[in-house]
Every structure is written in structure tokens, then in C-alpha cells.
């Protein structure tokens, strides 16, 4: 999830909203990252999600379903807003993983 969050942050960093939204590719790339983020959230164990009740897992997964199945309803301006408001909150709520050298 942290990799997707980093990609989302990278896409919107130093971007003007209107310029970003008028780009032919960037809004779709942003939607794809939200889709993958939602798919990842959907695959997390119930135990993991229960340990982080402050995260609105159902909303993250529902957004993934909207992007995947009702793509004509995607509101790229709303994804832009979520990138600036909720993504930083999600990033700070997720636990930090130790470096790979400490895991293996």
C-alpha cells in the first residue's frame, strides 16, 4: 500500500489542479493507483483491518469497485481531492514496516 501511496503522492506533487485534470493521461494514472490501492486493501486480512479501525477500509474498497466497474462515473477531481486530503491521513495511519534487512 505504501508503494501506491507514494505513486499517488508523486503524481499530484507540484501539480496545479486544473492543469493536472486537463492532462490526457495523468488523471487515468491516478485512478489506476487508487484501483490498486483498493485491491490491496480488499486482500488484507480481517485481523489486519480490525487492528486499524481508524482507516475506512470499506470506502477504500468501494472506490476500487467504482473505478473498476463503473469507470464512466469516475470523478477525477474527487480523486485529486482525495490525493491531497485522505492519502496523507492513510499514510500516517498505516504501520511502518521495518527495513528488509530486519525482516529477512
PDB file of N, CA and C in Angstrom:
ATOM      1  N   UNK A   1       0.824  -1.193   0.000  1.00  0.00           N
ATOM      2  CA  UNK A   1       0.000   0.000   0.000  1.00  0.00           C
ATOM      3  C   UNK A   1       0.868   1.257   0.000  1.00  0.00           C
ATOM      4  N   UNK A   2       1.984   1.161   0.695  1.00  0.00           N
ATOM      5  CA  UNK A   2       2.842   2.346   0.755  1.00  0.00           C
ATOM      6  C   UNK A   2       3.403   2.706  -0.625  1.00  0.00           C
ATOM      7  N   UNK A   3       3.642   1.702  -1.450  1.00  0.00           N
ATOM      8  CA  UNK A   3       4.135   1.981  -2.802  1.00  0.00           C
ATOM      9  C   UNK A   3       3.078   2.719  -3.614  1.00  0.00           C
ATOM     10  N   UNK A   4       1.829   2.322  -3.498  1.00  0.00           N
ATOM     11  CA  UNK A   4       0.740   3.004  -4.215  1.00  0.00           C
ATOM     12  C   UNK A   4       0.585   4.426  -3.683  1.00  0.00           C
ATOM     13  N   UNK A   5       0.664   4.580  -2.383  1.00  0.00           N
ATOM     14  CA  UNK A   5       0.554   5.912  -1.787  1.00  0.00           C
ATOM     15  C   UNK A   5       1.668   6.808  -2.318  1.00  0.00           C
ATOM     16  N   UNK A   6       2.873   6.274  -2.385  1.00  0.00           N
ATOM     17  CA  UNK A   6       3.999   7.055  -2.907  1.00  0.00           C
ATOM     18  C   UNK A   6       3.759   7.451  -4.360  1.00  0.00           C
ATOM     19  N   UNK A   7       3.200   6.554  -5.152  1.00  0.00           N
ATOM     20  CA  UNK A   7       2.908   6.867  -6.556  1.00  0.00           C
ATOM     21  C   UNK A   7       1.831   7.947  -6.660  1.00  0.00           C
ATOM     22  N   UNK A   8       0.814   7.850  -5.832  1.00  0.00           N
ATOM     23  CA  UNK A   8      -0.248   8.864  -5.825  1.00  0.00           C
ATOM     24  C   UNK A   8       0.339  10.216  -5.443  1.00  0.00           C
ATOM     25  N   UNK A   9       1.130  10.234  -4.398  1.00  0.00           N
ATOM     26  CA  UNK A   9       1.752  11.491  -3.971  1.00  0.00           C
ATOM     27  C   UNK A   9       2.640  12.060  -5.080  1.00  0.00           C
ATOM     28  N   UNK A  10       3.356  11.200  -5.744  1.00  0.00           N
ATOM     29  CA  UNK A  10       4.242  11.632  -6.816  1.00  0.00           C
ATOM     30  C   UNK A  10       3.460  12.242  -7.985  1.00  0.00           C
ATOM     31  N   UNK A  11       2.328  11.651  -8.309  1.00  0.00           N
ATOM     32  CA  UNK A  11       1.529  12.154  -9.434  1.00  0.00           C
ATOM     33  C   UNK A  11       0.983  13.559  -9.195  1.00  0.00           C
ATOM     34  N   UNK A  12       0.601  13.851  -7.965  1.00  0.00           N
ATOM     35  CA  UNK A  12      -0.033  15.146  -7.699  1.00  0.00           C
ATOM     36  C   UNK A  12       0.937  16.192  -7.149  1.00  0.00           C
ATOM     37  N   UNK A  13       2.133  15.762  -6.798  1.00  0.00           N
ATOM     38  CA  UNK A  13       3.108  16.699  -6.225  1.00  0.00           C
ATOM     39  C   UNK A  13       3.436  17.806  -7.216  1.00  0.00           C
ATOM     40  N   UNK A  14       3.445  19.008  -6.719  1.00  0.00           N
ATOM     41  CA  UNK A  14       3.819  20.185  -7.512  1.00  0.00           C
ATOM     42  C   UNK A  14       2.967  20.355  -8.765  1.00  0.00           C
ATOM     43  N   UNK A  15       1.742  19.859  -8.719  1.00  0.00           N
ATOM     44  CA  UNK A  15       0.838  19.974  -9.855  1.00  0.00           C
ATOM     45  C   UNK A  15      -0.263  20.982  -9.532  1.00  0.00           C
ATOM     46  N   UNK A  16      -0.623  21.731 -10.511  1.00  0.00           N
ATOM     47  CA  UNK A  16      -1.794  22.595 -10.429  1.00  0.00           C
ATOM     48  C   UNK A  16      -3.011  21.734 -10.754  1.00  0.00           C
ATOM     49  N   UNK A  17      -4.072  21.848  -9.974  1.00  0.00           N
ATOM     50  CA  UNK A  17      -5.253  21.005 -10.136  1.00  0.00           C
ATOM     51  C   UNK A  17      -5.800  21.042 -11.563  1.00  0.00           C
ATOM     52  N   UNK A  18      -6.033  22.220 -12.084  1.00  0.00           N
ATOM     53  CA  UNK A  18      -6.649  22.327 -13.413  1.00  0.00           C
ATOM     54  C   UNK A  18      -5.741  21.796 -14.510  1.00  0.00           C
ATOM     55  N   UNK A  19      -4.460  22.048 -14.394  1.00  0.00           N
ATOM     56  CA  UNK A  19      -3.511  21.521 -15.375  1.00  0.00           C
ATOM     57  C   UNK A  19      -3.475  20.007 -15.295  1.00  0.00           C
ATOM     58  N   UNK A  20      -3.451  19.493 -14.086  1.00  0.00           N
ATOM     59  CA  UNK A  20      -3.441  18.045 -13.888  1.00  0.00           C
ATOM     60  C   UNK A  20      -4.688  17.412 -14.509  1.00  0.00           C
ATOM     61  N   UNK A  21      -5.848  17.962 -14.207  1.00  0.00           N
ATOM     62  CA  UNK A  21      -7.098  17.382 -14.680  1.00  0.00           C
ATOM     63  C   UNK A  21      -7.273  17.495 -16.190  1.00  0.00           C
ATOM     64  N   UNK A  22      -6.625  18.472 -16.802  1.00  0.00           N
ATOM     65  CA  UNK A  22      -6.740  18.626 -18.256  1.00  0.00           C
ATOM     66  C   UNK A  22      -5.755  17.737 -19.014  1.00  0.00           C
ATOM     67  N   UNK A  23      -4.816  17.127 -18.305  1.00  0.00           N
ATOM     68  CA  UNK A  23      -3.867  16.217 -18.947  1.00  0.00           C
ATOM     69  C   UNK A  23      -4.610  14.979 -19.428  1.00  0.00           C
ATOM     70  N   UNK A  24      -4.193  14.437 -20.550  1.00  0.00           N
ATOM     71  CA  UNK A  24      -4.882  13.286 -21.120  1.00  0.00           C
ATOM     72  C   UNK A  24      -4.600  11.985 -20.362  1.00  0.00           C
ATOM     73  N   UNK A  25      -3.471  11.887 -19.693  1.00  0.00           N
ATOM     74  CA  UNK A  25      -3.078  10.620 -19.076  1.00  0.00           C
ATOM     75  C   UNK A  25      -3.032  10.642 -17.550  1.00  0.00           C
ATOM     76  N   UNK A  26      -2.609  11.730 -16.953  1.00  0.00           N
ATOM     77  CA  UNK A  26      -2.384  11.753 -15.505  1.00  0.00           C
ATOM     78  C   UNK A  26      -3.611  11.390 -14.666  1.00  0.00           C
ATOM     79  N   UNK A  27      -4.809  11.918 -14.975  1.00  0.00           N
ATOM     80  CA  UNK A  27      -5.961  11.529 -14.161  1.00  0.00           C
ATOM     81  C   UNK A  27      -6.263  10.028 -14.225  1.00  0.00           C
ATOM     82  N   UNK A  28      -6.024   9.425 -15.377  1.00  0.00           N
ATOM     83  CA  UNK A  28      -6.259   7.988 -15.513  1.00  0.00           C
ATOM     84  C   UNK A  28      -5.199   7.193 -14.746  1.00  0.00           C
ATOM     85  N   UNK A  29      -3.979   7.680 -14.760  1.00  0.00           N
ATOM     86  CA  UNK A  29      -2.926   7.028 -13.974  1.00  0.00           C
ATOM     87  C   UNK A  29      -3.272   7.101 -12.494  1.00  0.00           C
ATOM     88  N   UNK A  30      -3.773   8.238 -12.055  1.00  0.00           N
ATOM     89  CA  UNK A  30      -4.173   8.395 -10.657  1.00  0.00           C
ATOM     90  C   UNK A  30      -5.283   7.404 -10.308  1.00  0.00           C
ATOM     91  N   UNK A  31      -6.256   7.274 -11.185  1.00  0.00           N
ATOM     92  CA  UNK A  31      -7.351   6.331 -10.954  1.00  0.00           C
ATOM     93  C   UNK A  31      -6.819   4.902 -10.844  1.00  0.00           C
ATOM     94  N   UNK A  32      -5.864   4.559 -11.679  1.00  0.00           N
ATOM     95  CA  UNK A  32      -5.285   3.214 -11.630  1.00  0.00           C
ATOM     96  C   UNK A  32      -4.605   2.955 -10.290  1.00  0.00           C
ATOM     97  N   UNK A  33      -3.887   3.940  -9.772  1.00  0.00           N
ATOM     98  CA  UNK A  33      -3.229   3.766  -8.477  1.00  0.00           C
ATOM     99  C   UNK A  33      -4.255   3.602  -7.354  1.00  0.00           C
ATOM    100  N   UNK A  34      -5.363   4.341  -7.432  1.00  0.00           N
ATOM    101  CA  UNK A  34      -6.424   4.162  -6.443  1.00  0.00           C
ATOM    102  C   UNK A  34      -7.055   2.780  -6.574  1.00  0.00           C
ATOM    103  N   UNK A  35      -7.192   2.290  -7.795  1.00  0.00           N
ATOM    104  CA  UNK A  35      -7.730   0.953  -8.020  1.00  0.00           C
ATOM    105  C   UNK A  35      -6.845  -0.097  -7.361  1.00  0.00           C
ATOM    106  N   UNK A  36      -5.548   0.001  -7.569  1.00  0.00           N
ATOM    107  CA  UNK A  36      -4.611  -0.969  -6.986  1.00  0.00           C
ATOM    108  C   UNK A  36      -4.595  -0.836  -5.464  1.00  0.00           C
ATOM    109  N   UNK A  37      -4.663   0.377  -4.969  1.00  0.00           N
ATOM    110  CA  UNK A  37      -4.720   0.594  -3.526  1.00  0.00           C
ATOM    111  C   UNK A  37      -5.947  -0.094  -2.931  1.00  0.00           C
ATOM    112  N   UNK A  38      -7.082   0.055  -3.594  1.00  0.00           N
ATOM    113  CA  UNK A  38      -8.307  -0.585  -3.127  1.00  0.00           C
ATOM    114  C   UNK A  38      -8.248  -2.094  -3.219  1.00  0.00           C
ATOM    115  N   UNK A  39      -7.636  -2.613  -4.265  1.00  0.00           N
ATOM    116  CA  UNK A  39      -7.487  -4.062  -4.401  1.00  0.00           C
ATOM    117  C   UNK A  39      -6.600  -4.607  -3.285  1.00  0.00           C
ATOM    118  N   UNK A  40      -5.552  -3.889  -2.975  1.00  0.00           N
ATOM    119  CA  UNK A  40      -4.670  -4.304  -1.885  1.00  0.00           C
ATOM    120  C   UNK A  40      -5.427  -4.298  -0.558  1.00  0.00           C
ATOM    121  N   UNK A  41      -6.184  -3.243  -0.312  1.00  0.00           N
ATOM    122  CA  UNK A  41      -6.966  -3.157   0.927  1.00  0.00           C
ATOM    123  C   UNK A  41      -7.966  -4.302   1.013  1.00  0.00           C
ATOM    124  N   UNK A  42      -8.537  -4.664  -0.111  1.00  0.00           N
ATOM    125  CA  UNK A  42      -9.525  -5.743  -0.142  1.00  0.00           C
ATOM    126  C   UNK A  42      -8.907  -7.099   0.188  1.00  0.00           C
ATOM    127  N   UNK A  43      -7.630  -7.258  -0.082  1.00  0.00           N
ATOM    128  CA  UNK A  43      -6.948  -8.535   0.147  1.00  0.00           C
ATOM    129  C   UNK A  43      -6.306  -8.648   1.533  1.00  0.00           C
ATOM    130  N   UNK A  44      -6.338  -7.575   2.290  1.00  0.00           N
ATOM    131  CA  UNK A  44      -5.777  -7.626   3.643  1.00  0.00           C
ATOM    132  C   UNK A  44      -6.639  -8.524   4.524  1.00  0.00           C
ATOM    133  N   UNK A  45      -6.016  -9.122   5.486  1.00  0.00           N
ATOM    134  CA  UNK A  45      -6.765  -9.998   6.396  1.00  0.00           C
ATOM    135  C   UNK A  45      -7.717  -9.164   7.255  1.00  0.00           C
ATOM    136  N   UNK A  46      -8.786  -9.811   7.675  1.00  0.00           N
ATOM    137  CA  UNK A  46      -9.731  -9.149   8.577  1.00  0.00           C
ATOM    138  C   UNK A  46      -9.033  -8.723   9.865  1.00  0.00           C
ATOM    139  N   UNK A  47      -8.093  -9.543  10.314  1.00  0.00           N
ATOM    140  CA  UNK A  47      -7.344  -9.238  11.535  1.00  0.00           C
ATOM    141  C   UNK A  47      -6.532  -7.958  11.375  1.00  0.00           C
ATOM    142  N   UNK A  48      -5.872  -7.798  10.231  1.00  0.00           N
ATOM    143  CA  UNK A  48      -5.082  -6.588   9.990  1.00  0.00           C
ATOM    144  C   UNK A  48      -5.984  -5.364   9.956  1.00  0.00           C
ATOM    145  N   UNK A  49      -7.090  -5.451   9.225  1.00  0.00           N
ATOM    146  CA  UNK A  49      -8.008  -4.305   9.125  1.00  0.00           C
ATOM    147  C   UNK A  49      -8.608  -3.970  10.491  1.00  0.00           C
ATOM    148  N   UNK A  50      -8.927  -5.002  11.267  1.00  0.00           N
ATOM    149  CA  UNK A  50      -9.506  -4.764  12.596  1.00  0.00           C
ATOM    150  C   UNK A  50      -8.521  -4.071  13.525  1.00  0.00           C
ATOM    151  N   UNK A  51      -7.239  -4.300  13.294  1.00  0.00           N
ATOM    152  CA  UNK A  51      -6.210  -3.665  14.129  1.00  0.00           C
ATOM    153  C   UNK A  51      -6.066  -2.177  13.819  1.00  0.00           C
ATOM    154  N   UNK A  52      -6.620  -1.744  12.696  1.00  0.00           N
ATOM    155  CA  UNK A  52      -6.546  -0.333  12.298  1.00  0.00           C
ATOM    156  C   UNK A  52      -7.958   0.188  11.999  1.00  0.00           C
ATOM    157  N   UNK A  53      -8.811   0.260  13.015  1.00  0.00           N
ATOM    158  CA  UNK A  53     -10.212   0.644  12.786  1.00  0.00           C
ATOM    159  C   UNK A  53     -10.389   2.100  12.354  1.00  0.00           C
ATOM    160  N   UNK A  54      -9.386   2.923  12.549  1.00  0.00           N
ATOM    161  CA  UNK A  54      -9.486   4.325  12.158  1.00  0.00           C
ATOM    162  C   UNK A  54      -9.440   4.496  10.638  1.00  0.00           C
ATOM    163  N   UNK A  55      -9.010   3.462   9.922  1.00  0.00           N
ATOM    164  CA  UNK A  55      -8.962   3.510   8.457  1.00  0.00           C
ATOM    165  C   UNK A  55     -10.297   3.009   7.919  1.00  0.00           C
ATOM    166  N   UNK A  56     -10.845   3.755   7.003  1.00  0.00           N
ATOM    167  CA  UNK A  56     -12.145   3.404   6.427  1.00  0.00           C
ATOM    168  C   UNK A  56     -11.945   2.420   5.274  1.00  0.00           C
ATOM    169  N   UNK A  57     -11.687   1.176   5.638  1.00  0.00           N
ATOM    170  CA  UNK A  57     -11.362   0.140   4.664  1.00  0.00           C
ATOM    171  C   UNK A  57     -12.468  -0.046   3.639  1.00  0.00           C
ATOM    172  N   UNK A  58     -13.713  -0.058   4.094  1.00  0.00           N
ATOM    173  CA  UNK A  58     -14.839  -0.286   3.190  1.00  0.00           C
ATOM    174  C   UNK A  58     -14.896   0.797   2.118  1.00  0.00           C
ATOM    175  N   UNK A  59     -14.643   2.036   2.486  1.00  0.00           N
ATOM    176  CA  UNK A  59     -14.665   3.125   1.500  1.00  0.00           C
ATOM    177  C   UNK A  59     -13.534   2.966   0.481  1.00  0.00           C
ATOM    178  N   UNK A  60     -12.382   2.528   0.938  1.00  0.00           N
ATOM    179  CA  UNK A  60     -11.251   2.318   0.032  1.00  0.00           C
ATOM    180  C   UNK A  60     -11.593   1.221  -0.974  1.00  0.00           C
ATOM    181  N   UNK A  61     -12.166   0.149  -0.491  1.00  0.00           N
ATOM    182  CA  UNK A  61     -12.542  -0.968  -1.371  1.00  0.00           C
ATOM    183  C   UNK A  61     -13.685  -0.558  -2.295  1.00  0.00           C
ATOM    184  N   UNK A  62     -14.656   0.170  -1.786  1.00  0.00           N
ATOM    185  CA  UNK A  62     -15.773   0.618  -2.623  1.00  0.00           C
ATOM    186  C   UNK A  62     -15.300   1.532  -3.749  1.00  0.00           C
ATOM    187  N   UNK A  63     -14.328   2.381  -3.464  1.00  0.00           N
ATOM    188  CA  UNK A  63     -13.778   3.243  -4.504  1.00  0.00           C
ATOM    189  C   UNK A  63     -13.126   2.391  -5.587  1.00  0.00           C
ATOM    190  N   UNK A  64     -12.439   1.344  -5.187  1.00  0.00           N
ATOM    191  CA  UNK A  64     -11.835   0.430  -6.155  1.00  0.00           C
ATOM    192  C   UNK A  64     -12.900  -0.172  -7.060  1.00  0.00           C
ATOM    193  N   UNK A  65     -14.024  -0.595  -6.480  1.00  0.00           N
ATOM    194  CA  UNK A  65     -15.104  -1.186  -7.267  1.00  0.00           C
ATOM    195  C   UNK A  65     -15.681  -0.163  -8.255  1.00  0.00           C
ATOM    196  N   UNK A  66     -15.848   1.049  -7.815  1.00  0.00           N
ATOM    197  CA  UNK A  66     -16.361   2.097  -8.699  1.00  0.00           C
ATOM    198  C   UNK A  66     -15.424   2.307  -9.882  1.00  0.00           C
ATOM    199  N   UNK A  67     -14.138   2.418  -9.620  1.00  0.00           N
ATOM    200  CA  UNK A  67     -13.157   2.646 -10.685  1.00  0.00           C
ATOM    201  C   UNK A  67     -13.134   1.469 -11.650  1.00  0.00           C
ATOM    202  N   UNK A  68     -13.192   0.260 -11.109  1.00  0.00           N
ATOM    203  CA  UNK A  68     -13.078  -0.936 -11.947  1.00  0.00           C
ATOM    204  C   UNK A  68     -14.342  -1.230 -12.745  1.00  0.00           C
ATOM    205  N   UNK A  69     -15.498  -0.976 -12.170  1.00  0.00           N
ATOM    206  CA  UNK A  69     -16.739  -1.436 -12.787  1.00  0.00           C
ATOM    207  C   UNK A  69     -17.654  -0.332 -13.292  1.00  0.00           C
ATOM    208  N   UNK A  70     -17.436   0.871 -12.816  1.00  0.00           N
ATOM    209  CA  UNK A  70     -18.285   1.984 -13.254  1.00  0.00           C
ATOM    210  C   UNK A  70     -17.405   3.159 -13.650  1.00  0.00           C
ATOM    211  N   UNK A  71     -16.450   2.840 -14.527  1.00  0.00           N
ATOM    212  CA  UNK A  71     -15.410   3.804 -14.888  1.00  0.00           C
ATOM    213  C   UNK A  71     -15.972   5.099 -15.464  1.00  0.00           C
ATOM    214  N   UNK A  72     -17.161   5.074 -16.012  1.00  0.00           N
ATOM    215  CA  UNK A  72     -17.749   6.312 -16.554  1.00  0.00           C
ATOM    216  C   UNK A  72     -18.166   7.274 -15.443  1.00  0.00           C
ATOM    217  N   UNK A  73     -18.245   6.757 -14.226  1.00  0.00           N
ATOM    218  CA  UNK A  73     -18.636   7.593 -13.085  1.00  0.00           C
ATOM    219  C   UNK A  73     -17.432   8.128 -12.319  1.00  0.00           C
ATOM    220  N   UNK A  74     -16.227   7.833 -12.784  1.00  0.00           N
ATOM    221  CA  UNK A  74     -15.034   8.307 -12.077  1.00  0.00           C
ATOM    222  C   UNK A  74     -15.014   9.828 -12.091  1.00  0.00           C
ATOM    223  N   UNK A  75     -14.857  10.399 -10.933  1.00  0.00           N
ATOM    224  CA  UNK A  75     -14.727  11.849 -10.786  1.00  0.00           C
ATOM    225  C   UNK A  75     -13.253  12.135 -10.510  1.00  0.00           C
ATOM    226  N   UNK A  76     -12.524  12.496 -11.554  1.00  0.00           N
ATOM    227  CA  UNK A  76     -11.084  12.709 -11.397  1.00  0.00           C
ATOM    228  C   UNK A  76     -10.773  13.867 -10.459  1.00  0.00           C
ATOM    229  N   UNK A  77     -11.651  14.861 -10.422  1.00  0.00           N
ATOM    230  CA  UNK A  77     -11.441  15.968  -9.480  1.00  0.00           C
ATOM    231  C   UNK A  77     -11.555  15.473  -8.042  1.00  0.00           C
ATOM    232  N   UNK A  78     -12.452  14.512  -7.811  1.00  0.00           N
ATOM    233  CA  UNK A  78     -12.583  13.940  -6.464  1.00  0.00           C
ATOM    234  C   UNK A  78     -11.359  13.105  -6.111  1.00  0.00           C
ATOM    235  N   UNK A  79     -10.827  12.362  -7.071  1.00  0.00           N
ATOM    236  CA  UNK A  79      -9.597  11.614  -6.813  1.00  0.00           C
ATOM    237  C   UNK A  79      -8.450  12.566  -6.501  1.00  0.00           C
ATOM    238  N   UNK A  80      -8.393  13.683  -7.196  1.00  0.00           N
ATOM    239  CA  UNK A  80      -7.391  14.717  -6.913  1.00  0.00           C
ATOM    240  C   UNK A  80      -7.529  15.169  -5.456  1.00  0.00           C
ATOM    241  N   UNK A  81      -8.766  15.462  -5.051  1.00  0.00           N
ATOM    242  CA  UNK A  81      -9.017  15.927  -3.686  1.00  0.00           C
ATOM    243  C   UNK A  81      -8.621  14.861  -2.664  1.00  0.00           C
ATOM    244  N   UNK A  82      -9.002  13.607  -2.929  1.00  0.00           N
ATOM    245  CA  UNK A  82      -8.635  12.520  -2.022  1.00  0.00           C
ATOM    246  C   UNK A  82      -7.122  12.380  -1.908  1.00  0.00           C
ATOM    247  N   UNK A  83      -6.434  12.614  -3.010  1.00  0.00           N
ATOM    248  CA  UNK A  83      -4.964  12.522  -3.012  1.00  0.00           C
ATOM    249  C   UNK A  83      -4.343  13.514  -2.051  1.00  0.00           C
ATOM    250  N   UNK A  84      -4.951  14.677  -1.955  1.00  0.00           N
ATOM    251  CA  UNK A  84      -4.391  15.735  -1.112  1.00  0.00           C
ATOM    252  C   UNK A  84      -4.899  15.686   0.324  1.00  0.00           C
ATOM    253  N   UNK A  85      -6.063  15.074   0.546  1.00  0.00           N
ATOM    254  CA  UNK A  85      -6.635  15.075   1.887  1.00  0.00           C
ATOM    255  C   UNK A  85      -6.510  13.720   2.570  1.00  0.00           C
ATOM    256  N   UNK A  86      -7.013  12.684   1.948  1.00  0.00           N
ATOM    257  CA  UNK A  86      -7.086  11.382   2.609  1.00  0.00           C
ATOM    258  C   UNK A  86      -5.832  10.521   2.464  1.00  0.00           C
ATOM    259  N   UNK A  87      -5.114  10.687   1.385  1.00  0.00           N
ATOM    260  CA  UNK A  87      -3.898   9.879   1.215  1.00  0.00           C
ATOM    261  C   UNK A  87      -2.869  10.193   2.306  1.00  0.00           C
ATOM    262  N   UNK A  88      -2.620  11.456   2.643  1.00  0.00           N
ATOM    263  CA  UNK A  88      -1.685  11.717   3.758  1.00  0.00           C
ATOM    264  C   UNK A  88      -2.180  11.111   5.083  1.00  0.00           C
ATOM    265  N   UNK A  89      -3.485  11.142   5.312  1.00  0.00           N
ATOM    266  CA  UNK A  89      -4.047  10.542   6.533  1.00  0.00           C
ATOM    267  C   UNK A  89      -3.846   9.027   6.536  1.00  0.00           C
ATOM    268  N   UNK A  90      -4.101   8.401   5.380  1.00  0.00           N
ATOM    269  CA  UNK A  90      -3.910   6.954   5.272  1.00  0.00           C
ATOM    270  C   UNK A  90      -2.448   6.588   5.483  1.00  0.00           C
ATOM    271  N   UNK A  91      -1.565   7.361   4.884  1.00  0.00           N
ATOM    272  CA  UNK A  91      -0.127   7.107   5.015  1.00  0.00           C
ATOM    273  C   UNK A  91       0.299   7.151   6.480  1.00  0.00           C
ATOM    274  N   UNK A  92      -0.183   8.123   7.209  1.00  0.00           N
ATOM    275  CA  UNK A  92       0.226   8.246   8.612  1.00  0.00           C
ATOM    276  C   UNK A  92      -0.444   7.188   9.501  1.00  0.00           C
ATOM    277  N   UNK A  93      -1.587   6.646   9.067  1.00  0.00           N
ATOM    278  CA  UNK A  93      -2.290   5.641   9.868  1.00  0.00           C
ATOM    279  C   UNK A  93      -1.732   4.234   9.675  1.00  0.00           C
ATOM    280  N   UNK A  94      -1.097   3.986   8.535  1.00  0.00           N
ATOM    281  CA  UNK A  94      -0.554   2.654   8.279  1.00  0.00           C
ATOM    282  C   UNK A  94       0.725   2.438   9.081  1.00  0.00           C
ATOM    283  N   UNK A  95       0.909   1.236   9.582  1.00  0.00           N
ATOM    284  CA  UNK A  95       2.140   0.964  10.337  1.00  0.00           C
ATOM    285  C   UNK A  95       3.362   0.970   9.412  1.00  0.00           C
ATOM    286  N   UNK A  96       4.456   1.388   9.950  1.00  0.00           N
ATOM    287  CA  UNK A  96       5.709   1.359   9.192  1.00  0.00           C
ATOM    288  C   UNK A  96       6.300  -0.035   9.266  1.00  0.00           C
ATOM    289  N   UNK A  97       6.785  -0.496   8.163  1.00  0.00           N
ATOM    290  CA  UNK A  97       7.456  -1.803   8.144  1.00  0.00           C
ATOM    291  C   UNK A  97       8.930  -1.617   8.407  1.00  0.00           C
ATOM    292  N   UNK A  98       9.545  -2.565   9.083  1.00  0.00           N
ATOM    293  CA  UNK A  98      10.987  -2.476   9.283  1.00  0.00           C
ATOM    294  C   UNK A  98      11.705  -2.652   7.942  1.00  0.00           C
ATOM    295  N   UNK A  99      12.931  -2.194   7.837  1.00  0.00           N
ATOM    296  CA  UNK A  99      13.675  -2.381   6.596  1.00  0.00           C
ATOM    297  C   UNK A  99      13.849  -3.873   6.297  1.00  0.00           C
ATOM    298  N   UNK A 100      13.971  -4.224   5.014  1.00  0.00           N
ATOM    299  CA  UNK A 100      14.106  -5.643   4.649  1.00  0.00           C
ATOM    300  C   UNK A 100      15.220  -6.374   5.400  1.00  0.00           C
ATOM    301  N   UNK A 101      16.288  -5.667   5.738  1.00  0.00           N
ATOM    302  CA  UNK A 101      17.386  -6.320   6.452  1.00  0.00           C
ATOM    303  C   UNK A 101      16.965  -6.819   7.829  1.00  0.00           C
ATOM    304  N   UNK A 102      15.918  -6.211   8.398  1.00  0.00           N
ATOM    305  CA  UNK A 102      15.435  -6.651   9.706  1.00  0.00           C
ATOM    306  C   UNK A 102      14.359  -7.738   9.590  1.00  0.00           C
ATOM    307  N   UNK A 103      13.819  -7.916   8.396  1.00  0.00           N
ATOM    308  CA  UNK A 103      12.759  -8.904   8.203  1.00  0.00           C
ATOM    309  C   UNK A 103      13.356 -10.256   7.833  1.00  0.00           C
ATOM    310  N   UNK A 104      14.367 -10.237   6.981  1.00  0.00           N
ATOM    311  CA  UNK A 104      14.935 -11.482   6.459  1.00  0.00           C
ATOM    312  C   UNK A 104      16.203 -11.866   7.168  1.00  0.00           C
TER     313      UNK A 104
END
